[in-house]
Protein backbone atom coordinates (compact mmCIF):
# COMPACT_ATOMS: atom_id res chain seq x y z
CA GLU A 1 -20.71 -8.44 -1.39
CA VAL A 2 -19.95 -7.16 2.12
CA LEU A 3 -16.20 -7.25 1.51
CA GLY A 4 -16.73 -5.05 -1.55
CA ARG A 5 -18.08 -2.16 0.52
CA PRO A 6 -15.73 0.79 0.88
CA GLY A 7 -13.20 0.34 3.68
CA ILE A 8 -14.35 -3.10 4.87
CA LEU A 9 -11.54 -5.17 3.34
CA GLU A 10 -8.90 -2.68 4.43
CA ASP A 11 -10.32 -2.58 7.96
CA ILE A 12 -10.47 -6.32 8.61
CA SER A 13 -7.17 -6.95 6.84
CA SER A 14 -5.29 -4.33 8.82
CA ALA A 15 -5.23 -6.28 12.09
CA TYR A 16 -1.72 -7.48 12.87
CA ASP A 17 -2.95 -11.09 13.09
CA SER A 18 -5.28 -10.96 10.09
CA PRO A 19 -5.32 -14.35 8.35
CA ALA A 20 -6.14 -12.82 4.96
CA ARG A 21 -5.54 -9.72 2.87
CA THR A 22 -7.61 -10.16 -0.30
CA VAL A 23 -11.30 -10.86 -0.94
CA ASP A 24 -10.46 -14.33 -2.28
CA GLU A 25 -8.39 -15.13 0.82
CA TRP A 26 -11.23 -13.94 3.09
CA VAL A 27 -13.76 -16.05 1.21
CA THR A 28 -11.53 -19.08 1.85
CA VAL A 29 -11.14 -18.22 5.54
CA ILE A 30 -14.90 -17.81 5.96
CA ARG A 31 -15.75 -21.01 4.07
CA ASP A 32 -13.17 -22.97 6.07
CA GLY A 33 -14.90 -21.80 9.26
CA VAL A 34 -18.23 -23.37 8.29
CA THR A 35 -18.43 -26.76 10.01
CA MET A 36 -21.98 -27.78 9.12
CA THR A 37 -24.93 -26.55 7.05
CA GLY A 38 -28.59 -27.28 6.39
CA GLU A 39 -29.75 -30.66 7.61
CA GLU A 40 -26.52 -31.19 9.54
CA VAL A 41 -27.36 -28.12 11.65
CA ASP A 42 -30.94 -29.33 12.15
CA ALA A 43 -29.74 -32.75 13.28
CA PHE A 44 -27.17 -31.25 15.66
CA ALA A 45 -29.44 -28.60 17.18
CA GLY A 46 -32.65 -30.58 17.39
CA ASP A 47 -36.07 -29.02 17.87
CA GLY A 48 -35.20 -26.58 20.67
CA PRO A 49 -35.77 -22.83 20.53
CA LEU A 50 -33.40 -20.72 18.49
CA ILE A 51 -30.96 -18.53 20.36
CA THR A 52 -30.41 -15.32 18.39
CA ASP A 53 -28.83 -11.96 19.09
CA ASP A 54 -32.17 -10.19 18.93
CA ARG A 55 -34.01 -12.78 21.07
CA PRO A 56 -31.41 -14.16 23.48
CA LEU A 57 -32.25 -16.79 26.05
CA PRO A 58 -30.29 -17.08 29.32
CA GLU A 59 -28.12 -19.76 27.71
CA TYR A 60 -27.00 -17.28 25.06
CA PHE A 61 -24.80 -15.45 27.55
CA LEU A 62 -23.20 -18.70 28.74
CA LEU A 63 -22.54 -19.84 25.18
CA ARG A 64 -21.10 -16.45 24.31
CA ARG A 65 -18.76 -16.57 27.29
CA LEU A 66 -17.67 -20.15 26.59
CA PHE A 67 -17.28 -19.95 22.83
CA GLY A 68 -16.39 -16.32 22.21
CA GLY A 69 -18.17 -13.33 20.91
């Protein structure tokens, strides 16, 4: 849905190192980047507080620096 918006596909595909050019290729790239879902995420993260962009905790900035963003 997002990739169907005017200009989005062209914009993200225009980078010299873009791994994809079509919507189908981008769907594959995005799906391949998902490493866990649902209960796997719950088991990995545990019961701690959520770190989100709109409610960052001090650790958010460390995680962002270490893992990109």
